[in-house]
Amino acid sequence: MDRDEEIRVIAVDFGNVICRFDYRIFCKRLGNRIGRTSEEVFTALFTDDLEARFECGSLTGPAYHQEVQTRLGAELPYDEFFPMFGDIFTEIPGTFELLERLRRRYPLFLLSDTNEIHFGYVRQTVKALRLFTDFVVSYEVGAMKPDPRIYQAVLRRAAAPANACVFFDDRLPNVEGARRVGMHAFVFHSPAQCAAALQGLGVQIPRPA
């Protein structure tokens, strides 16, 4: 990799970088609503490929909702299901502040494995997403990390060479996937560690406003 190329684009994952998440929050909430245990809900929905198909775009939000109802033998309106499924995220302290500083100098791209409902919900509720230039999400691309197609989608939209882009993700296989297409990439542990890694690449982080 040519490390002399100046960094021009910063891309980050969503889960465990901007927000932590826990599917069992949804399982408990739905279980209470339909009279099932949270473990029954989890087993019915998260132990096969259903979620992966949803995140790859094989299922729309309404189609996923229907599949959930069918598997659990329950009925609830989509307008109730949408926030019930979507509200499982907690913002990580410090990430917003770092991204807010970076966006004053660099375009920010979200690169996330996600589904139609979760992305729709967090776009309404997570203020950090207002900072991004563009979003590359698995359900729209039709591929999940570490498939090279999802990284290549970021490079096309950014109109930048791979070695001018840096990516942060909480999972090593996804970081390795980015490196295979030529991007700089790091496992995210904290906003402070992220900032140090960026500075090591010569990224100029503006001071807080």
N, C-alpha and C. Protein backbone atom coordinates (compact mmCIF):
# COMPACT_ATOMS: atom_id res chain seq x y z
N MET A 1 0.84 -1.20 0.00
CA MET A 1 0.00 0.00 0.00
C MET A 1 0.88 1.25 0.00
N ASP A 2 0.52 2.21 -0.83
CA ASP A 2 1.26 3.47 -0.90
C ASP A 2 0.80 4.37 0.24
N ARG A 3 1.64 4.52 1.27
CA ARG A 3 1.26 5.32 2.42
C ARG A 3 1.59 6.80 2.22
N ASP A 4 2.06 7.18 1.04
CA ASP A 4 2.33 8.58 0.79
C ASP A 4 1.09 9.33 0.32
N GLU A 5 0.03 8.60 -0.06
CA GLU A 5 -1.21 9.24 -0.51
C GLU A 5 -1.87 9.94 0.68
N GLU A 6 -2.23 11.18 0.48
CA GLU A 6 -2.90 11.94 1.54
C GLU A 6 -4.31 11.42 1.76
N ILE A 7 -4.70 11.28 3.02
CA ILE A 7 -6.06 10.83 3.33
C ILE A 7 -7.05 11.93 2.94
N ARG A 8 -8.05 11.53 2.13
CA ARG A 8 -9.05 12.49 1.69
C ARG A 8 -10.46 12.11 2.11
N VAL A 9 -10.66 10.87 2.52
CA VAL A 9 -12.01 10.37 2.86
C VAL A 9 -11.92 9.54 4.13
N ILE A 10 -12.88 9.74 5.04
CA ILE A 10 -12.96 8.95 6.26
C ILE A 10 -14.29 8.21 6.26
N ALA A 11 -14.22 6.89 6.43
CA ALA A 11 -15.42 6.04 6.47
C ALA A 11 -15.46 5.31 7.80
N VAL A 12 -16.66 5.16 8.35
CA VAL A 12 -16.80 4.46 9.63
C VAL A 12 -18.02 3.56 9.59
N ASP A 13 -17.95 2.50 10.37
CA ASP A 13 -19.07 1.63 10.64
C ASP A 13 -20.04 2.35 11.58
N PHE A 14 -21.24 1.79 11.74
CA PHE A 14 -22.21 2.35 12.67
C PHE A 14 -22.20 1.61 14.01
N GLY A 15 -22.49 0.30 13.96
CA GLY A 15 -22.61 -0.48 15.18
C GLY A 15 -21.30 -0.59 15.94
N ASN A 16 -21.34 -0.22 17.21
CA ASN A 16 -20.18 -0.27 18.11
C ASN A 16 -19.07 0.71 17.72
N VAL A 17 -19.40 1.65 16.85
CA VAL A 17 -18.51 2.78 16.55
C VAL A 17 -19.25 4.08 16.88
N ILE A 18 -20.43 4.24 16.29
CA ILE A 18 -21.28 5.39 16.62
C ILE A 18 -22.25 5.03 17.74
N CYS A 19 -22.85 3.86 17.64
CA CYS A 19 -23.79 3.39 18.65
C CYS A 19 -23.54 1.93 19.00
N ARG A 20 -23.73 1.58 20.26
CA ARG A 20 -23.83 0.18 20.65
C ARG A 20 -25.25 -0.29 20.39
N PHE A 21 -25.43 -1.60 20.25
CA PHE A 21 -26.77 -2.12 20.00
C PHE A 21 -26.92 -3.48 20.65
N ASP A 22 -28.18 -3.87 20.88
CA ASP A 22 -28.46 -5.14 21.55
C ASP A 22 -29.81 -5.65 21.05
N TYR A 23 -29.78 -6.70 20.22
CA TYR A 23 -31.03 -7.27 19.69
C TYR A 23 -31.94 -7.79 20.79
N ARG A 24 -31.38 -8.13 21.94
CA ARG A 24 -32.22 -8.70 23.00
C ARG A 24 -33.14 -7.65 23.63
N ILE A 25 -32.84 -6.39 23.46
CA ILE A 25 -33.78 -5.34 23.88
C ILE A 25 -35.08 -5.50 23.10
N PHE A 26 -34.95 -5.66 21.79
CA PHE A 26 -36.12 -5.89 20.95
C PHE A 26 -36.82 -7.19 21.32
N CYS A 27 -36.05 -8.26 21.54
CA CYS A 27 -36.66 -9.56 21.85
C CYS A 27 -37.49 -9.49 23.12
N LYS A 28 -36.98 -8.81 24.13
CA LYS A 28 -37.74 -8.67 25.37
C LYS A 28 -38.99 -7.83 25.16
N ARG A 29 -38.85 -6.75 24.42
CA ARG A 29 -39.98 -5.85 24.17
C ARG A 29 -41.08 -6.56 23.39
N LEU A 30 -40.67 -7.27 22.33
CA LEU A 30 -41.66 -7.99 21.53
C LEU A 30 -42.27 -9.15 22.32
N GLY A 31 -41.43 -9.86 23.08
CA GLY A 31 -41.95 -10.96 23.88
C GLY A 31 -43.01 -10.50 24.86
N ASN A 32 -42.76 -9.38 25.53
CA ASN A 32 -43.76 -8.83 26.45
C ASN A 32 -45.04 -8.46 25.73
N ARG A 33 -44.91 -8.01 24.51
CA ARG A 33 -46.09 -7.57 23.75
C ARG A 33 -46.95 -8.74 23.31
N ILE A 34 -46.33 -9.89 22.98
CA ILE A 34 -47.09 -11.01 22.40
C ILE A 34 -47.20 -12.21 23.34
N GLY A 35 -46.69 -12.06 24.56
CA GLY A 35 -46.80 -13.15 25.52
C GLY A 35 -45.84 -14.30 25.29
N ARG A 36 -44.63 -13.99 24.82
CA ARG A 36 -43.59 -15.00 24.65
C ARG A 36 -42.36 -14.55 25.43
N THR A 37 -41.46 -15.49 25.74
CA THR A 37 -40.22 -15.12 26.41
C THR A 37 -39.27 -14.48 25.41
N SER A 38 -38.35 -13.68 25.93
CA SER A 38 -37.37 -13.06 25.04
C SER A 38 -36.51 -14.12 24.37
N GLU A 39 -36.25 -15.24 25.06
CA GLU A 39 -35.45 -16.30 24.46
C GLU A 39 -36.19 -16.98 23.32
N GLU A 40 -37.49 -17.13 23.45
CA GLU A 40 -38.29 -17.70 22.36
C GLU A 40 -38.24 -16.80 21.13
N VAL A 41 -38.33 -15.50 21.36
CA VAL A 41 -38.26 -14.56 20.24
C VAL A 41 -36.89 -14.61 19.59
N PHE A 42 -35.83 -14.60 20.41
CA PHE A 42 -34.47 -14.64 19.87
C PHE A 42 -34.25 -15.90 19.04
N THR A 43 -34.67 -17.05 19.55
CA THR A 43 -34.49 -18.31 18.84
C THR A 43 -35.24 -18.32 17.53
N ALA A 44 -36.42 -17.75 17.52
CA ALA A 44 -37.24 -17.74 16.30
C ALA A 44 -36.67 -16.84 15.22
N LEU A 45 -35.98 -15.77 15.61
CA LEU A 45 -35.61 -14.74 14.64
C LEU A 45 -34.12 -14.60 14.38
N PHE A 46 -33.26 -15.05 15.29
CA PHE A 46 -31.84 -14.72 15.19
C PHE A 46 -30.91 -15.92 15.21
N THR A 47 -31.42 -17.08 14.91
CA THR A 47 -30.56 -18.27 14.92
C THR A 47 -30.43 -18.91 13.54
N ASP A 48 -30.92 -18.24 12.50
CA ASP A 48 -30.71 -18.72 11.14
C ASP A 48 -30.31 -17.53 10.27
N ASP A 49 -30.58 -17.58 8.99
CA ASP A 49 -30.10 -16.54 8.08
C ASP A 49 -31.09 -15.40 7.86
N LEU A 50 -32.16 -15.34 8.66
CA LEU A 50 -33.19 -14.32 8.43
C LEU A 50 -32.61 -12.91 8.49
N GLU A 51 -31.84 -12.62 9.54
CA GLU A 51 -31.30 -11.27 9.69
C GLU A 51 -30.31 -10.94 8.58
N ALA A 52 -29.50 -11.91 8.17
CA ALA A 52 -28.55 -11.67 7.07
C ALA A 52 -29.30 -11.37 5.77
N ARG A 53 -30.39 -12.08 5.51
CA ARG A 53 -31.18 -11.81 4.30
C ARG A 53 -31.78 -10.42 4.35
N PHE A 54 -32.20 -10.00 5.53
CA PHE A 54 -32.74 -8.65 5.71
C PHE A 54 -31.66 -7.61 5.46
N GLU A 55 -30.47 -7.84 5.99
CA GLU A 55 -29.39 -6.86 5.85
C GLU A 55 -28.79 -6.84 4.46
N CYS A 56 -28.98 -7.90 3.70
CA CYS A 56 -28.52 -7.91 2.30
C CYS A 56 -29.57 -7.37 1.34
N GLY A 57 -30.73 -6.99 1.87
CA GLY A 57 -31.76 -6.41 1.02
C GLY A 57 -32.67 -7.40 0.35
N SER A 58 -32.58 -8.68 0.72
CA SER A 58 -33.48 -9.67 0.15
C SER A 58 -34.90 -9.50 0.67
N LEU A 59 -35.03 -8.85 1.83
CA LEU A 59 -36.34 -8.58 2.42
C LEU A 59 -36.48 -7.08 2.66
N THR A 60 -37.62 -6.53 2.33
CA THR A 60 -37.93 -5.15 2.70
C THR A 60 -38.36 -5.12 4.16
N GLY A 61 -38.51 -3.92 4.71
CA GLY A 61 -39.00 -3.81 6.08
C GLY A 61 -40.35 -4.47 6.27
N PRO A 62 -41.34 -4.17 5.43
CA PRO A 62 -42.64 -4.83 5.58
C PRO A 62 -42.57 -6.34 5.40
N ALA A 63 -41.71 -6.83 4.50
CA ALA A 63 -41.58 -8.28 4.32
C ALA A 63 -40.96 -8.93 5.55
N TYR A 64 -39.99 -8.28 6.16
CA TYR A 64 -39.39 -8.80 7.39
C TYR A 64 -40.43 -8.82 8.51
N HIS A 65 -41.18 -7.75 8.63
CA HIS A 65 -42.25 -7.67 9.63
C HIS A 65 -43.24 -8.82 9.47
N GLN A 66 -43.60 -9.11 8.23
CA GLN A 66 -44.53 -10.21 7.98
C GLN A 66 -43.92 -11.55 8.37
N GLU A 67 -42.63 -11.73 8.07
CA GLU A 67 -41.95 -12.98 8.44
C GLU A 67 -41.90 -13.14 9.95
N VAL A 68 -41.66 -12.06 10.67
CA VAL A 68 -41.65 -12.11 12.14
C VAL A 68 -43.02 -12.55 12.66
N GLN A 69 -44.07 -11.95 12.13
CA GLN A 69 -45.42 -12.32 12.55
C GLN A 69 -45.71 -13.79 12.27
N THR A 70 -45.30 -14.26 11.09
CA THR A 70 -45.55 -15.66 10.72
C THR A 70 -44.80 -16.61 11.65
N ARG A 71 -43.54 -16.32 11.91
CA ARG A 71 -42.73 -17.22 12.74
C ARG A 71 -43.23 -17.29 14.18
N LEU A 72 -43.76 -16.18 14.67
CA LEU A 72 -44.17 -16.13 16.07
C LEU A 72 -45.68 -16.28 16.24
N GLY A 73 -46.40 -16.39 15.14
CA GLY A 73 -47.84 -16.54 15.23
C GLY A 73 -48.50 -15.36 15.93
N ALA A 74 -48.04 -14.17 15.61
CA ALA A 74 -48.52 -12.96 16.29
C ALA A 74 -48.85 -11.89 15.25
N GLU A 75 -49.65 -10.94 15.67
CA GLU A 75 -49.98 -9.81 14.80
C GLU A 75 -49.76 -8.52 15.56
N LEU A 76 -49.10 -7.58 14.93
CA LEU A 76 -48.97 -6.23 15.46
C LEU A 76 -48.74 -5.29 14.29
N PRO A 77 -49.26 -4.07 14.36
CA PRO A 77 -49.15 -3.15 13.24
C PRO A 77 -47.69 -2.79 12.93
N TYR A 78 -47.42 -2.54 11.65
CA TYR A 78 -46.06 -2.17 11.25
C TYR A 78 -45.63 -0.87 11.94
N ASP A 79 -46.55 0.07 12.11
CA ASP A 79 -46.21 1.33 12.76
C ASP A 79 -45.77 1.12 14.21
N GLU A 80 -46.24 0.06 14.85
CA GLU A 80 -45.79 -0.29 16.19
C GLU A 80 -44.48 -1.08 16.15
N PHE A 81 -44.36 -1.95 15.14
CA PHE A 81 -43.18 -2.80 15.02
C PHE A 81 -41.94 -1.99 14.70
N PHE A 82 -42.06 -0.97 13.85
CA PHE A 82 -40.91 -0.20 13.37
C PHE A 82 -40.08 0.36 14.53
N PRO A 83 -40.65 1.14 15.48
CA PRO A 83 -39.82 1.63 16.59
C PRO A 83 -39.45 0.53 17.58
N MET A 84 -40.29 -0.50 17.72
CA MET A 84 -39.98 -1.60 18.61
C MET A 84 -38.71 -2.31 18.17
N PHE A 85 -38.56 -2.53 16.87
CA PHE A 85 -37.38 -3.18 16.32
C PHE A 85 -36.21 -2.21 16.22
N GLY A 86 -36.50 -0.94 15.95
CA GLY A 86 -35.44 0.03 15.69
C GLY A 86 -34.76 0.58 16.92
N ASP A 87 -35.46 0.66 18.03
CA ASP A 87 -34.94 1.36 19.20
C ASP A 87 -34.10 0.43 20.07
N ILE A 88 -32.91 0.07 19.56
CA ILE A 88 -32.01 -0.83 20.30
C ILE A 88 -30.60 -0.23 20.40
N PHE A 89 -30.47 1.06 20.11
CA PHE A 89 -29.15 1.67 19.97
C PHE A 89 -28.87 2.68 21.09
N THR A 90 -27.60 2.74 21.51
CA THR A 90 -27.15 3.71 22.50
C THR A 90 -25.89 4.37 21.97
N GLU A 91 -25.89 5.69 21.90
CA GLU A 91 -24.74 6.40 21.34
C GLU A 91 -23.50 6.24 22.22
N ILE A 92 -22.34 6.09 21.58
CA ILE A 92 -21.07 5.94 22.27
C ILE A 92 -20.51 7.33 22.57
N PRO A 93 -20.27 7.64 23.83
CA PRO A 93 -19.76 8.98 24.17
C PRO A 93 -18.46 9.29 23.44
N GLY A 94 -18.39 10.48 22.89
CA GLY A 94 -17.16 10.93 22.25
C GLY A 94 -17.11 10.77 20.75
N THR A 95 -17.85 9.80 20.20
CA THR A 95 -17.78 9.60 18.75
C THR A 95 -18.37 10.78 18.00
N PHE A 96 -19.52 11.25 18.44
CA PHE A 96 -20.15 12.38 17.76
C PHE A 96 -19.21 13.57 17.73
N GLU A 97 -18.59 13.89 18.86
CA GLU A 97 -17.71 15.06 18.94
C GLU A 97 -16.52 14.92 17.98
N LEU A 98 -15.95 13.72 17.90
CA LEU A 98 -14.83 13.51 16.97
C LEU A 98 -15.29 13.67 15.52
N LEU A 99 -16.41 13.05 15.17
CA LEU A 99 -16.91 13.16 13.80
C LEU A 99 -17.26 14.60 13.44
N GLU A 100 -17.81 15.32 14.40
CA GLU A 100 -18.18 16.71 14.15
C GLU A 100 -16.94 17.54 13.81
N ARG A 101 -15.83 17.26 14.48
CA ARG A 101 -14.59 17.97 14.18
C ARG A 101 -14.02 17.54 12.82
N LEU A 102 -14.05 16.25 12.54
CA LEU A 102 -13.49 15.75 11.29
C LEU A 102 -14.24 16.27 10.06
N ARG A 103 -15.54 16.39 10.16
CA ARG A 103 -16.33 16.78 8.98
C ARG A 103 -16.04 18.20 8.52
N ARG A 104 -15.43 18.99 9.36
CA ARG A 104 -15.06 20.35 8.95
C ARG A 104 -13.93 20.34 7.95
N ARG A 105 -13.24 19.19 7.82
CA ARG A 105 -12.10 19.11 6.91
C ARG A 105 -12.21 17.96 5.91
N TYR A 106 -12.96 16.91 6.25
CA TYR A 106 -13.01 15.69 5.42
C TYR A 106 -14.46 15.25 5.19
N PRO A 107 -14.75 14.70 4.00
CA PRO A 107 -16.05 14.05 3.81
C PRO A 107 -16.12 12.76 4.62
N LEU A 108 -17.26 12.55 5.25
CA LEU A 108 -17.48 11.35 6.06
C LEU A 108 -18.46 10.43 5.35
N PHE A 109 -18.12 9.15 5.31
CA PHE A 109 -18.99 8.14 4.70
C PHE A 109 -19.32 7.08 5.75
N LEU A 110 -20.59 6.75 5.85
CA LEU A 110 -21.00 5.62 6.69
C LEU A 110 -20.92 4.36 5.85
N LEU A 111 -20.30 3.32 6.40
CA LEU A 111 -20.18 2.02 5.72
C LEU A 111 -20.67 0.97 6.71
N SER A 112 -21.91 0.52 6.53
CA SER A 112 -22.54 -0.27 7.58
C SER A 112 -23.35 -1.44 7.03
N ASP A 113 -23.25 -2.59 7.71
CA ASP A 113 -24.18 -3.69 7.50
C ASP A 113 -25.43 -3.37 8.31
N THR A 114 -26.53 -3.14 7.64
CA THR A 114 -27.75 -2.77 8.33
C THR A 114 -28.95 -3.11 7.45
N ASN A 115 -30.12 -2.91 8.00
CA ASN A 115 -31.35 -3.22 7.28
C ASN A 115 -32.22 -1.98 7.16
N GLU A 116 -33.29 -2.12 6.41
CA GLU A 116 -34.14 -0.98 6.09
C GLU A 116 -34.74 -0.33 7.34
N ILE A 117 -35.16 -1.14 8.30
CA ILE A 117 -35.80 -0.57 9.48
C ILE A 117 -34.78 0.11 10.38
N HIS A 118 -33.69 -0.57 10.69
CA HIS A 118 -32.69 0.03 11.57
C HIS A 118 -32.14 1.33 10.98
N PHE A 119 -31.83 1.31 9.70
CA PHE A 119 -31.26 2.52 9.11
C PHE A 119 -32.30 3.63 9.07
N GLY A 120 -33.54 3.29 8.75
CA GLY A 120 -34.60 4.29 8.77
C GLY A 120 -34.79 4.89 10.16
N TYR A 121 -34.71 4.04 11.18
CA TYR A 121 -34.91 4.52 12.54
C TYR A 121 -33.75 5.41 12.99
N VAL A 122 -32.51 4.98 12.78
CA VAL A 122 -31.39 5.78 13.29
C VAL A 122 -31.21 7.07 12.50
N ARG A 123 -31.63 7.10 11.25
CA ARG A 123 -31.57 8.37 10.51
C ARG A 123 -32.50 9.40 11.14
N GLN A 124 -33.56 8.93 11.77
CA GLN A 124 -34.49 9.85 12.44
C GLN A 124 -34.03 10.25 13.83
N THR A 125 -33.22 9.41 14.48
CA THR A 125 -32.98 9.58 15.91
C THR A 125 -31.53 9.82 16.32
N VAL A 126 -30.56 9.50 15.48
CA VAL A 126 -29.14 9.61 15.88
C VAL A 126 -28.53 10.84 15.20
N LYS A 127 -28.19 11.83 15.99
CA LYS A 127 -27.75 13.11 15.44
C LYS A 127 -26.44 13.00 14.66
N ALA A 128 -25.60 12.02 14.99
CA ALA A 128 -24.32 11.88 14.29
C ALA A 128 -24.50 11.64 12.80
N LEU A 129 -25.62 11.04 12.39
CA LEU A 129 -25.79 10.75 10.98
C LEU A 129 -26.01 12.00 10.14
N ARG A 130 -26.32 13.10 10.78
CA ARG A 130 -26.46 14.37 10.04
C ARG A 130 -25.10 14.89 9.57
N LEU A 131 -24.03 14.30 10.09
CA LEU A 131 -22.69 14.78 9.75
C LEU A 131 -22.13 14.16 8.48
N PHE A 132 -22.80 13.13 7.93
CA PHE A 132 -22.21 12.34 6.86
C PHE A 132 -22.51 12.90 5.48
N THR A 133 -21.52 12.77 4.61
CA THR A 133 -21.68 13.14 3.21
C THR A 133 -22.56 12.14 2.48
N ASP A 134 -22.38 10.84 2.78
CA ASP A 134 -23.13 9.80 2.08
C ASP A 134 -23.14 8.54 2.95
N PHE A 135 -24.04 7.63 2.58
CA PHE A 135 -24.23 6.39 3.32
C PHE A 135 -24.13 5.21 2.35
N VAL A 136 -23.30 4.25 2.70
CA VAL A 136 -23.22 3.00 1.94
C VAL A 136 -23.65 1.90 2.90
N VAL A 137 -24.82 1.35 2.66
CA VAL A 137 -25.42 0.38 3.59
C VAL A 137 -25.72 -0.92 2.85
N SER A 138 -25.56 -2.01 3.58
CA SER A 138 -25.58 -3.34 2.95
C SER A 138 -26.89 -3.65 2.26
N TYR A 139 -28.01 -3.25 2.85
CA TYR A 139 -29.29 -3.64 2.23
C TYR A 139 -29.52 -2.94 0.90
N GLU A 140 -28.86 -1.80 0.69
CA GLU A 140 -28.96 -1.13 -0.62
C GLU A 140 -27.94 -1.67 -1.61
N VAL A 141 -26.74 -1.99 -1.13
CA VAL A 141 -25.68 -2.51 -2.00
C VAL A 141 -25.95 -3.96 -2.39
N GLY A 142 -26.60 -4.72 -1.49
CA GLY A 142 -26.83 -6.14 -1.74
C GLY A 142 -25.64 -7.00 -1.36
N ALA A 143 -24.79 -6.47 -0.49
CA ALA A 143 -23.60 -7.20 -0.04
C ALA A 143 -23.22 -6.70 1.33
N MET A 144 -22.67 -7.60 2.15
CA MET A 144 -22.24 -7.27 3.50
C MET A 144 -20.72 -7.38 3.61
N LYS A 145 -20.14 -6.60 4.50
CA LYS A 145 -18.71 -6.73 4.79
C LYS A 145 -18.41 -8.16 5.25
N PRO A 146 -17.29 -8.73 4.85
CA PRO A 146 -16.16 -8.14 4.12
C PRO A 146 -16.19 -8.34 2.61
N ASP A 147 -17.36 -8.48 2.01
CA ASP A 147 -17.47 -8.58 0.56
C ASP A 147 -16.86 -7.32 -0.07
N PRO A 148 -15.94 -7.46 -1.02
CA PRO A 148 -15.29 -6.27 -1.59
C PRO A 148 -16.25 -5.30 -2.25
N ARG A 149 -17.42 -5.76 -2.66
CA ARG A 149 -18.35 -4.86 -3.36
C ARG A 149 -18.80 -3.68 -2.50
N ILE A 150 -18.93 -3.91 -1.19
CA ILE A 150 -19.43 -2.82 -0.36
C ILE A 150 -18.36 -1.74 -0.14
N TYR A 151 -17.10 -2.15 -0.07
CA TYR A 151 -16.02 -1.17 0.03
C TYR A 151 -15.85 -0.42 -1.30
N GLN A 152 -15.98 -1.15 -2.38
CA GLN A 152 -15.85 -0.52 -3.70
C GLN A 152 -16.95 0.51 -3.93
N ALA A 153 -18.12 0.27 -3.34
CA ALA A 153 -19.21 1.24 -3.46
C ALA A 153 -18.83 2.56 -2.79
N VAL A 154 -18.13 2.50 -1.66
CA VAL A 154 -17.67 3.72 -1.00
C VAL A 154 -16.67 4.45 -1.88
N LEU A 155 -15.74 3.71 -2.46
CA LEU A 155 -14.72 4.35 -3.29
C LEU A 155 -15.33 5.02 -4.51
N ARG A 156 -16.33 4.38 -5.11
CA ARG A 156 -17.00 4.99 -6.27
C ARG A 156 -17.69 6.29 -5.87
N ARG A 157 -18.41 6.24 -4.77
CA ARG A 157 -19.16 7.43 -4.37
C ARG A 157 -18.24 8.55 -3.90
N ALA A 158 -17.13 8.18 -3.29
CA ALA A 158 -16.17 9.19 -2.83
C ALA A 158 -15.30 9.71 -3.96
N ALA A 159 -15.25 8.97 -5.08
CA ALA A 159 -14.40 9.33 -6.22
C ALA A 159 -12.96 9.53 -5.76
N ALA A 160 -12.49 8.57 -4.97
CA ALA A 160 -11.13 8.65 -4.43
C ALA A 160 -10.47 7.29 -4.53
N PRO A 161 -9.14 7.26 -4.68
CA PRO A 161 -8.44 5.97 -4.68
C PRO A 161 -8.48 5.34 -3.30
N ALA A 162 -8.34 4.03 -3.26
CA ALA A 162 -8.47 3.30 -2.00
C ALA A 162 -7.48 3.80 -0.95
N ASN A 163 -6.23 4.10 -1.38
CA ASN A 163 -5.24 4.48 -0.38
C ASN A 163 -5.35 5.93 0.07
N ALA A 164 -6.42 6.62 -0.40
CA ALA A 164 -6.74 7.94 0.13
C ALA A 164 -7.91 7.87 1.10
N CYS A 165 -8.34 6.64 1.42
CA CYS A 165 -9.49 6.44 2.30
C CYS A 165 -9.06 5.65 3.53
N VAL A 166 -9.65 5.98 4.67
CA VAL A 166 -9.42 5.24 5.90
C VAL A 166 -10.77 4.82 6.47
N PHE A 167 -10.82 3.60 7.02
CA PHE A 167 -12.07 3.01 7.50
C PHE A 167 -11.88 2.45 8.90
N PHE A 168 -12.90 2.64 9.74
CA PHE A 168 -12.92 2.11 11.10
C PHE A 168 -14.13 1.22 11.30
N ASP A 169 -13.89 0.04 11.87
CA ASP A 169 -14.95 -0.93 12.13
C ASP A 169 -14.60 -1.64 13.43
N ASP A 170 -15.62 -2.13 14.14
CA ASP A 170 -15.33 -2.82 15.41
C ASP A 170 -14.93 -4.27 15.22
N ARG A 171 -15.02 -4.81 13.98
CA ARG A 171 -14.73 -6.23 13.76
C ARG A 171 -13.52 -6.38 12.83
N LEU A 172 -12.55 -7.18 13.27
CA LEU A 172 -11.33 -7.37 12.49
C LEU A 172 -11.58 -7.91 11.10
N PRO A 173 -12.47 -8.91 10.87
CA PRO A 173 -12.68 -9.38 9.50
C PRO A 173 -13.13 -8.27 8.55
N ASN A 174 -13.90 -7.30 9.06
CA ASN A 174 -14.34 -6.20 8.21
C ASN A 174 -13.20 -5.23 7.91
N VAL A 175 -12.33 -5.05 8.89
CA VAL A 175 -11.14 -4.23 8.69
C VAL A 175 -10.22 -4.89 7.66
N GLU A 176 -10.04 -6.19 7.77
CA GLU A 176 -9.19 -6.90 6.81
C GLU A 176 -9.78 -6.84 5.41
N GLY A 177 -11.11 -6.89 5.30
CA GLY A 177 -11.74 -6.75 3.99
C GLY A 177 -11.45 -5.41 3.35
N ALA A 178 -11.47 -4.35 4.15
CA ALA A 178 -11.14 -3.02 3.63
C ALA A 178 -9.68 -2.95 3.19
N ARG A 179 -8.81 -3.56 3.97
CA ARG A 179 -7.38 -3.55 3.61
C ARG A 179 -7.14 -4.30 2.31
N ARG A 180 -7.90 -5.36 2.06
CA ARG A 180 -7.70 -6.13 0.82
C ARG A 180 -8.03 -5.33 -0.43
N VAL A 181 -8.91 -4.34 -0.32
CA VAL A 181 -9.18 -3.50 -1.49
C VAL A 181 -8.27 -2.28 -1.53
N GLY A 182 -7.34 -2.18 -0.56
CA GLY A 182 -6.34 -1.11 -0.59
C GLY A 182 -6.59 0.05 0.34
N MET A 183 -7.66 0.00 1.12
CA MET A 183 -7.95 1.09 2.05
C MET A 183 -7.08 0.96 3.30
N HIS A 184 -6.79 2.07 3.95
CA HIS A 184 -6.29 2.04 5.31
C HIS A 184 -7.47 1.65 6.19
N ALA A 185 -7.24 0.83 7.19
CA ALA A 185 -8.35 0.40 8.03
C ALA A 185 -7.85 -0.01 9.40
N PHE A 186 -8.69 0.24 10.41
CA PHE A 186 -8.34 -0.03 11.80
C PHE A 186 -9.56 -0.57 12.54
N VAL A 187 -9.29 -1.44 13.51
CA VAL A 187 -10.34 -1.84 14.45
C VAL A 187 -10.60 -0.67 15.39
N PHE A 188 -11.87 -0.33 15.55
CA PHE A 188 -12.26 0.77 16.43
C PHE A 188 -12.39 0.26 17.86
N HIS A 189 -11.71 0.94 18.79
CA HIS A 189 -11.83 0.62 20.21
C HIS A 189 -12.43 1.78 21.01
N SER A 190 -12.11 3.00 20.62
CA SER A 190 -12.62 4.18 21.32
C SER A 190 -12.40 5.40 20.43
N PRO A 191 -13.12 6.48 20.68
CA PRO A 191 -12.85 7.70 19.92
C PRO A 191 -11.41 8.20 20.05
N ALA A 192 -10.82 8.07 21.24
CA ALA A 192 -9.44 8.53 21.43
C ALA A 192 -8.47 7.70 20.60
N GLN A 193 -8.66 6.39 20.58
CA GLN A 193 -7.79 5.52 19.77
C GLN A 193 -7.98 5.80 18.29
N CYS A 194 -9.23 6.07 17.90
CA CYS A 194 -9.52 6.41 16.50
C CYS A 194 -8.79 7.70 16.11
N ALA A 195 -8.86 8.69 16.96
CA ALA A 195 -8.19 9.97 16.68
C ALA A 195 -6.68 9.77 16.56
N ALA A 196 -6.10 8.94 17.42
CA ALA A 196 -4.66 8.69 17.37
C ALA A 196 -4.26 8.00 16.07
N ALA A 197 -5.08 7.03 15.64
CA ALA A 197 -4.80 6.33 14.39
C ALA A 197 -4.86 7.28 13.20
N LEU A 198 -5.85 8.17 13.21
CA LEU A 198 -5.97 9.15 12.13
C LEU A 198 -4.76 10.08 12.11
N GLN A 199 -4.36 10.55 13.25
CA GLN A 199 -3.21 11.44 13.30
C GLN A 199 -1.94 10.74 12.84
N GLY A 200 -1.86 9.43 13.07
CA GLY A 200 -0.72 8.67 12.59
C GLY A 200 -0.65 8.60 11.08
N LEU A 201 -1.81 8.80 10.42
CA LEU A 201 -1.86 8.85 8.95
C LEU A 201 -1.73 10.27 8.41
N GLY A 202 -1.52 11.21 9.29
CA GLY A 202 -1.38 12.60 8.86
C GLY A 202 -2.68 13.36 8.77
N VAL A 203 -3.76 12.79 9.29
CA VAL A 203 -5.05 13.49 9.27
C VAL A 203 -5.01 14.65 10.26
N GLN A 204 -5.41 15.81 9.80
CA GLN A 204 -5.46 17.00 10.63
C GLN A 204 -6.86 17.11 11.26
N ILE A 205 -6.94 16.92 12.58
CA ILE A 205 -8.22 16.98 13.27
C ILE A 205 -8.42 18.39 13.81
N PRO A 206 -9.40 19.11 13.34
CA PRO A 206 -9.61 20.47 13.85
C PRO A 206 -9.88 20.49 15.34
N ARG A 207 -9.55 21.58 15.98
CA ARG A 207 -9.83 21.75 17.40
C ARG A 207 -11.34 21.85 17.60
N PRO A 208 -11.81 21.54 18.81
CA PRO A 208 -13.23 21.73 19.08
C PRO A 208 -13.66 23.17 18.82
N ALA A 209 -14.87 23.32 18.32
CA ALA A 209 -15.37 24.66 18.01
C ALA A 209 -15.58 25.46 19.30
